[in-house]
N, C-alpha and C. Protein backbone atom coordinates (compact mmCIF):
# COMPACT_ATOMS: atom_id res chain seq x y z
N MET A 1 0.20 -1.31 0.03
CA MET A 1 0.18 0.51 0.17
C MET A 1 0.75 1.22 -0.13
N ASP A 2 0.62 2.27 -0.88
CA ASP A 2 1.16 3.57 -1.21
C ASP A 2 1.13 3.99 0.63
N ILE A 3 2.56 5.13 1.19
CA ILE A 3 1.92 5.69 2.11
C ILE A 3 2.30 7.49 1.53
N THR A 4 1.20 8.16 2.74
CA THR A 4 1.32 9.40 1.87
C THR A 4 1.13 10.42 3.31
N TYR A 5 2.11 11.55 3.37
CA TYR A 5 2.53 12.43 3.91
C TYR A 5 1.05 13.55 4.54
N ARG A 6 1.10 13.90 5.49
CA ARG A 6 0.31 15.43 6.01
C ARG A 6 0.92 15.91 7.03
N THR A 7 0.23 17.16 6.36
CA THR A 7 0.61 18.22 8.18
C THR A 7 0.03 18.20 8.35
N GLU A 8 -0.24 18.14 10.20
CA GLU A 8 -1.67 17.98 10.00
C GLU A 8 -1.63 17.71 12.05
N ARG A 9 -1.91 19.24 13.06
CA ARG A 9 -2.01 18.54 14.53
C ARG A 9 -2.95 18.13 15.05
N ASP A 10 -4.37 18.35 14.25
CA ASP A 10 -5.78 18.23 14.21
C ASP A 10 -6.36 16.77 14.17
N LEU A 11 -5.20 16.01 15.72
CA LEU A 11 -5.21 14.54 14.45
C LEU A 11 -7.06 13.26 15.96
N ASP A 12 -7.84 12.93 15.39
CA ASP A 12 -8.75 11.84 15.92
C ASP A 12 -7.25 11.05 17.21
N ARG A 13 -8.37 11.15 18.41
CA ARG A 13 -7.67 10.70 19.72
C ARG A 13 -7.58 9.38 19.32
N GLU A 14 -8.91 8.60 19.37
CA GLU A 14 -8.21 6.88 18.72
C GLU A 14 -6.91 6.50 17.79
N ALA A 15 -7.16 7.41 17.10
CA ALA A 15 -5.61 7.15 16.20
C ALA A 15 -4.16 6.83 16.50
N LEU A 16 -3.96 8.90 17.20
CA LEU A 16 -3.24 8.39 17.97
C LEU A 16 -2.90 7.39 18.83
N GLN A 17 -3.75 7.63 19.91
CA GLN A 17 -3.75 6.21 20.86
C GLN A 17 -3.39 4.61 20.37
N ALA A 18 -3.27 4.90 19.40
CA ALA A 18 -4.04 3.19 17.88
C ALA A 18 -1.93 3.14 17.74
N LEU A 19 -1.99 4.23 17.25
CA LEU A 19 -0.30 4.03 17.35
C LEU A 19 0.82 4.25 17.96
N PHE A 20 0.17 4.33 18.54
CA PHE A 20 1.05 5.68 20.02
C PHE A 20 0.86 3.76 20.77
N LEU A 21 0.39 2.38 21.30
CA LEU A 21 -0.23 2.29 21.65
C LEU A 21 0.40 0.36 21.20
N SER A 22 0.45 0.82 18.97
CA SER A 22 1.56 -0.14 18.30
C SER A 22 3.45 -0.27 18.74
N VAL A 23 3.88 0.34 20.31
CA VAL A 23 5.51 0.18 19.71
C VAL A 23 5.56 1.35 21.94
N ASN A 24 4.34 0.20 22.04
CA ASN A 24 3.90 0.50 23.75
C ASN A 24 4.80 1.78 23.77
N TRP A 25 3.87 2.14 24.35
CA TRP A 25 4.58 3.58 25.29
C TRP A 25 3.85 4.24 25.43
N ALA A 26 4.37 4.69 26.96
CA ALA A 26 3.66 5.51 27.93
C ALA A 26 2.18 6.27 28.18
N SER A 27 3.14 7.27 26.32
CA SER A 27 1.43 8.03 26.45
C SER A 27 0.25 8.47 25.63
N ALA A 28 0.52 6.57 25.83
CA ALA A 28 -1.32 5.37 24.71
C ALA A 28 -2.01 5.85 26.07
N ARG A 29 -1.32 6.13 27.38
CA ARG A 29 -2.64 5.83 28.58
C ARG A 29 -3.35 7.36 29.28
N HIS A 30 -2.78 8.22 27.89
CA HIS A 30 -3.55 9.57 28.51
C HIS A 30 -4.31 9.61 27.56
N PRO A 31 -4.44 9.08 26.00
CA PRO A 31 -4.74 10.00 25.36
C PRO A 31 -5.66 11.28 25.37
N GLY A 32 -5.68 11.79 26.15
CA GLY A 32 -6.33 13.51 26.13
C GLY A 32 -5.10 14.14 25.88
N LEU A 33 -4.12 13.67 27.04
CA LEU A 33 -2.93 15.04 26.90
C LEU A 33 -2.38 14.43 25.54
N LEU A 34 -2.64 13.09 25.30
CA LEU A 34 -0.95 13.36 24.01
C LEU A 34 -1.95 14.10 22.97
N GLN A 35 -3.45 13.55 22.65
CA GLN A 35 -3.88 14.64 21.47
C GLN A 35 -3.80 15.91 21.65
N ARG A 36 -3.65 15.96 23.69
CA ARG A 36 -3.57 17.86 23.42
C ARG A 36 -2.07 18.71 22.53
N ALA A 37 -1.30 17.50 23.42
CA ALA A 37 0.25 17.88 22.74
C ALA A 37 0.99 17.73 21.44
N ILE A 38 0.42 16.61 21.14
CA ILE A 38 -0.27 17.01 19.65
C ILE A 38 -1.10 17.83 18.43
N ARG A 39 -2.04 18.47 18.91
CA ARG A 39 -1.80 20.27 18.75
C ARG A 39 -1.14 20.97 19.21
N ASN A 40 -0.92 20.99 19.55
CA ASN A 40 -0.11 22.31 20.65
C ASN A 40 1.67 21.92 19.78
N SER A 41 1.52 21.46 19.07
CA SER A 41 2.93 21.42 18.51
C SER A 41 3.27 21.96 17.70
N HIS A 42 4.44 22.71 17.70
CA HIS A 42 4.36 23.50 16.08
C HIS A 42 4.45 22.95 14.94
N HIS A 43 4.94 21.45 14.99
CA HIS A 43 4.67 21.22 13.65
C HIS A 43 4.62 19.92 13.37
N VAL A 44 3.63 19.19 12.44
CA VAL A 44 3.61 17.64 13.07
C VAL A 44 3.61 17.14 11.55
N VAL A 45 3.99 15.85 10.96
CA VAL A 45 3.82 15.06 9.48
C VAL A 45 4.15 13.40 10.46
N THR A 46 2.76 13.75 9.61
CA THR A 46 2.24 12.59 9.58
C THR A 46 2.40 11.27 9.01
N ALA A 47 2.21 9.76 8.86
CA ALA A 47 2.80 9.14 7.08
C ALA A 47 1.15 8.32 7.09
N TRP A 48 -0.39 7.95 6.66
CA TRP A 48 -0.82 7.42 6.17
C TRP A 48 -1.00 6.18 5.97
N ALA A 49 -1.06 4.67 6.03
CA ALA A 49 -0.66 3.86 5.04
C ALA A 49 -3.12 4.00 4.28
N GLY A 50 -3.85 4.55 3.19
CA GLY A 50 -4.75 4.62 3.28
C GLY A 50 -5.36 5.77 4.91
N ASP A 51 -6.46 5.61 4.85
CA ASP A 51 -6.58 5.92 6.40
C ASP A 51 -5.93 5.15 7.64
N ARG A 52 -5.60 4.89 7.56
CA ARG A 52 -5.24 4.33 9.41
C ARG A 52 -3.32 5.08 9.42
N LEU A 53 -3.22 6.16 10.38
CA LEU A 53 -1.90 6.83 11.12
C LEU A 53 -1.43 5.96 10.79
N VAL A 54 -0.11 5.95 10.87
CA VAL A 54 0.62 4.49 10.88
C VAL A 54 2.35 5.45 10.98
N GLY A 55 2.82 6.96 11.04
CA GLY A 55 3.73 6.36 11.27
C GLY A 55 3.74 8.55 11.54
N LEU A 56 4.48 9.25 12.96
CA LEU A 56 4.92 10.27 13.47
C LEU A 56 5.28 11.22 14.44
N MET A 57 6.12 12.81 13.15
CA MET A 57 7.33 12.48 13.68
C MET A 57 6.72 14.84 13.99
N ASN A 58 6.97 15.48 15.33
CA ASN A 58 6.12 15.99 15.55
C ASN A 58 7.72 17.21 16.39
N ALA A 59 7.45 18.26 16.34
CA ALA A 59 8.92 19.03 16.79
C ALA A 59 8.09 20.51 17.56
N LEU A 60 8.56 20.86 18.84
CA LEU A 60 8.54 22.56 19.12
C LEU A 60 10.32 23.19 19.00
N SER A 61 9.37 24.70 18.92
CA SER A 61 9.84 24.81 18.05
C SER A 61 10.13 26.40 17.87
N ASP A 62 11.70 27.73 18.07
CA ASP A 62 11.12 28.42 17.79
C ASP A 62 11.13 29.47 17.24
N GLU A 63 11.04 28.21 15.36
CA GLU A 63 11.83 28.70 13.75
C GLU A 63 13.03 29.45 13.98
N VAL A 64 14.04 29.93 15.21
CA VAL A 64 14.55 30.29 14.70
C VAL A 64 16.01 30.02 14.67
N MET A 65 15.98 29.50 16.84
CA MET A 65 17.95 28.89 17.10
C MET A 65 17.54 27.19 16.88
N THR A 66 16.30 27.60 17.61
CA THR A 66 15.75 25.68 18.20
C THR A 66 15.43 24.83 16.95
N ALA A 67 15.43 24.16 17.05
CA ALA A 67 13.82 22.79 16.72
C ALA A 67 13.81 21.63 17.77
N TYR A 68 13.23 20.55 18.25
CA TYR A 68 13.10 20.14 19.22
C TYR A 68 12.36 18.66 18.46
N PHE A 69 12.93 18.31 18.18
CA PHE A 69 11.98 16.85 17.31
C PHE A 69 11.93 15.68 19.45
N HIS A 70 10.77 15.18 18.60
CA HIS A 70 10.07 15.00 20.02
C HIS A 70 9.77 13.79 19.83
N HIS A 71 8.61 13.53 18.56
CA HIS A 71 7.99 12.20 18.98
C HIS A 71 8.30 12.31 17.36
N LEU A 72 9.13 10.53 17.15
CA LEU A 72 8.94 9.62 15.96
C LEU A 72 8.30 8.49 16.35
N LEU A 73 7.81 7.98 15.95
CA LEU A 73 7.05 6.57 15.77
C LEU A 73 6.33 6.39 14.48
N VAL A 74 6.54 4.63 14.85
CA VAL A 74 6.06 4.55 13.35
C VAL A 74 5.67 2.82 13.25
N HIS A 75 4.20 3.03 13.54
CA HIS A 75 4.12 1.04 14.02
C HIS A 75 4.61 0.60 13.38
N PRO A 76 4.49 -0.52 13.92
CA PRO A 76 5.42 -2.06 14.35
C PRO A 76 5.30 -2.96 11.69
N ASP A 77 4.39 -2.29 11.79
CA ASP A 77 3.99 -2.99 10.58
C ASP A 77 4.77 -2.33 9.81
N HIS A 78 4.64 -1.58 9.77
CA HIS A 78 5.23 -0.38 8.70
C HIS A 78 6.91 0.44 8.79
N GLN A 79 7.20 -0.21 9.51
CA GLN A 79 8.44 0.03 9.78
C GLN A 79 9.80 -1.16 8.99
N ALA A 80 11.06 -0.62 8.69
CA ALA A 80 11.80 -0.80 8.17
C ALA A 80 11.37 -0.94 6.20
N GLN A 81 10.29 0.02 6.50
CA GLN A 81 10.32 1.15 4.20
C GLN A 81 10.72 2.07 4.81
N GLY A 82 11.48 2.83 5.58
CA GLY A 82 11.62 4.20 4.59
C GLY A 82 10.73 4.92 5.94
N ILE A 83 9.67 5.11 6.08
CA ILE A 83 8.67 6.49 6.79
C ILE A 83 9.07 7.31 7.21
N GLY A 84 10.28 6.10 8.59
CA GLY A 84 10.82 7.12 9.62
C GLY A 84 12.39 8.15 8.96
N ARG A 85 12.78 7.46 7.96
CA ARG A 85 14.05 8.42 6.78
C ARG A 85 13.30 9.42 6.88
N GLU A 86 11.77 9.43 6.29
CA GLU A 86 10.99 10.39 5.38
C GLU A 86 11.00 11.36 6.04
N LEU A 87 9.78 10.80 7.41
CA LEU A 87 9.56 12.05 8.18
C LEU A 87 10.83 12.49 8.41
N VAL A 88 11.74 11.79 9.04
CA VAL A 88 12.61 13.01 9.54
C VAL A 88 13.23 13.69 8.48
N ALA A 89 13.60 13.23 7.37
CA ALA A 89 13.94 13.83 6.24
C ALA A 89 12.99 15.28 6.40
N ARG A 90 11.97 15.13 6.05
CA ARG A 90 10.53 16.36 6.59
C ARG A 90 10.76 17.23 7.59
N MET A 91 10.65 17.02 8.35
CA MET A 91 11.32 17.36 9.80
C MET A 91 11.94 17.98 10.07
N VAL A 92 13.33 18.43 9.20
CA VAL A 92 14.69 18.55 9.19
C VAL A 92 14.94 19.81 7.82
N ALA A 93 13.47 19.30 6.95
CA ALA A 93 14.12 20.82 5.64
C ALA A 93 12.88 21.43 5.69
N ARG A 94 12.08 20.68 7.54
CA ARG A 94 11.14 22.50 7.20
C ARG A 94 11.47 23.25 8.02
N TYR A 95 12.37 22.83 8.58
CA TYR A 95 13.54 23.42 10.03
C TYR A 95 15.13 24.07 9.42
N ARG A 96 15.35 23.99 8.33
CA ARG A 96 17.00 24.08 7.45
C ARG A 96 17.56 25.31 8.11
N ASP A 97 16.74 26.37 8.35
CA ASP A 97 17.33 27.83 8.24
C ASP A 97 18.03 28.15 10.06
N CYS A 98 17.06 26.59 11.39
CA CYS A 98 17.73 26.15 12.64
C CYS A 98 18.81 26.74 13.13
N THR A 99 19.55 27.06 13.69
CA THR A 99 21.02 26.74 13.74
C THR A 99 21.09 25.98 14.83
N ARG A 100 19.46 25.28 15.58
CA ARG A 100 19.71 23.96 15.89
C ARG A 100 18.66 23.07 16.25
N LEU A 101 18.81 21.87 15.28
CA LEU A 101 18.03 21.11 15.29
C LEU A 101 18.30 19.50 16.30
N VAL A 102 17.73 19.64 17.36
CA VAL A 102 18.08 18.36 18.54
C VAL A 102 16.98 16.93 18.67
N LEU A 103 17.44 15.90 19.09
CA LEU A 103 16.45 15.80 20.03
C LEU A 103 17.04 14.35 20.89
N ILE A 104 16.02 13.68 21.28
CA ILE A 104 16.62 12.86 22.08
C ILE A 104 16.42 11.66 22.22
N ALA A 105 17.41 10.46 22.31
CA ALA A 105 17.39 8.69 21.15
C ALA A 105 17.78 7.57 22.45
N TYR A 106 16.99 6.91 22.32
CA TYR A 106 16.99 5.95 23.46
C TYR A 106 18.48 5.32 22.44
N LYS A 107 19.81 4.49 23.30
CA LYS A 107 20.98 4.14 22.57
C LYS A 107 20.96 3.32 21.78
N GLU A 108 19.63 2.30 21.34
CA GLU A 108 19.49 2.30 20.22
C GLU A 108 18.37 1.95 18.72
N GLU A 109 18.21 3.09 19.71
CA GLU A 109 18.11 4.21 17.47
C GLU A 109 19.57 5.08 17.27
N VAL A 110 20.28 5.12 17.88
CA VAL A 110 20.97 6.31 18.01
C VAL A 110 21.60 6.12 16.51
N ALA A 111 22.00 5.02 16.09
CA ALA A 111 22.31 4.27 14.41
C ALA A 111 21.04 4.83 12.79
N PHE A 112 20.17 5.00 13.90
CA PHE A 112 18.87 5.65 12.53
C PHE A 112 19.29 6.85 12.39
N TYR A 113 19.46 7.27 13.49
CA TYR A 113 20.14 8.51 13.81
C TYR A 113 20.91 8.85 12.37
N GLU A 114 21.95 8.39 13.23
CA GLU A 114 23.46 9.06 12.29
C GLU A 114 22.67 8.46 11.14
N ARG A 115 22.44 8.37 10.50
CA ARG A 115 22.42 7.74 9.25
C ARG A 115 21.64 9.17 8.57
N CYS A 116 20.76 9.00 9.26
CA CYS A 116 20.06 10.56 9.16
C CYS A 116 20.41 12.19 9.36
N GLY A 117 21.89 11.62 9.28
CA GLY A 117 22.03 13.45 9.27
C GLY A 117 22.68 13.96 10.88
N PHE A 118 22.43 12.93 11.85
CA PHE A 118 22.45 13.14 13.38
C PHE A 118 23.64 13.46 14.26
N ARG A 119 23.63 13.71 15.05
CA ARG A 119 25.40 12.99 15.61
C ARG A 119 24.94 13.35 16.97
N VAL A 120 26.00 12.62 17.86
CA VAL A 120 25.51 12.32 19.53
C VAL A 120 26.21 13.24 20.04
N ALA A 121 26.35 14.19 20.96
CA ALA A 121 27.27 15.63 21.54
C ALA A 121 28.01 15.24 21.82
N GLU A 122 28.41 15.53 21.64
CA GLU A 122 29.30 14.80 23.25
C GLU A 122 29.91 15.05 23.99
N ARG A 123 29.65 16.34 25.24
CA ARG A 123 29.38 16.79 26.00
C ARG A 123 27.74 17.30 26.25
N ALA A 124 27.32 16.32 26.47
CA ALA A 124 25.95 17.53 26.30
C ALA A 124 24.88 15.90 26.81
N LEU A 125 24.65 15.88 27.86
CA LEU A 125 23.27 14.40 28.46
C LEU A 125 22.33 14.71 29.10
N PRO A 126 20.80 14.11 28.08
CA PRO A 126 19.91 14.43 28.85
C PRO A 126 20.01 14.97 30.23
N VAL A 127 18.36 15.50 30.63
CA VAL A 127 18.45 16.34 32.31
C VAL A 127 16.49 16.36 31.84
N GLN A 128 16.32 16.37 33.19
CA GLN A 128 15.07 15.74 32.83
C GLN A 128 14.74 16.20 33.94
N ILE A 129 12.84 16.58 34.30
CA ILE A 129 13.06 16.93 36.44
C ILE A 129 11.72 15.35 36.45
N THR A 130 10.89 15.49 35.67
CA THR A 130 9.91 14.21 35.41
C THR A 130 9.77 13.31 34.46
N CYS A 131 8.86 12.46 34.81
CA CYS A 131 9.00 12.20 33.61
C CYS A 131 7.86 11.02 33.11
N LEU A 132 7.13 10.97 32.42
CA LEU A 132 5.09 10.13 32.31
C LEU A 132 5.35 8.59 32.26
N ASP A 133 4.63 8.22 33.56
CA ASP A 133 5.07 6.52 33.88
C ASP A 133 5.79 6.08 32.58
N ASP A 134 6.95 5.60 32.63
CA ASP A 134 7.28 4.51 32.27
C ASP A 134 6.21 3.23 31.77
């Protein structure tokens, strides 16, 4: 099936929850908050297989200095098909004029992001105060 890409922030709560559940992310247990978070994002790119949401990437940005990429996920049935790479490419193109494009990746995802042009910041570590129940 062909994949289509859209830029949209007002997504159906159930579709969002289903996508986040497919990858076992804790935010799926908070569908109302998740929907609001995506709606409040600066930019969102989605991937669709027909009418099924199969991928999503969102950004928080000041559009000048920094774009922070918060979520990138692809439904397991559609992984390893270039969807994640395409979502990243579209976001990087959208924020190409920002001086810093940043994200936090789990160790097992670093190689993917490096293939997309990111590099590990040698002197920086992610720091947080709170975390949604893992």
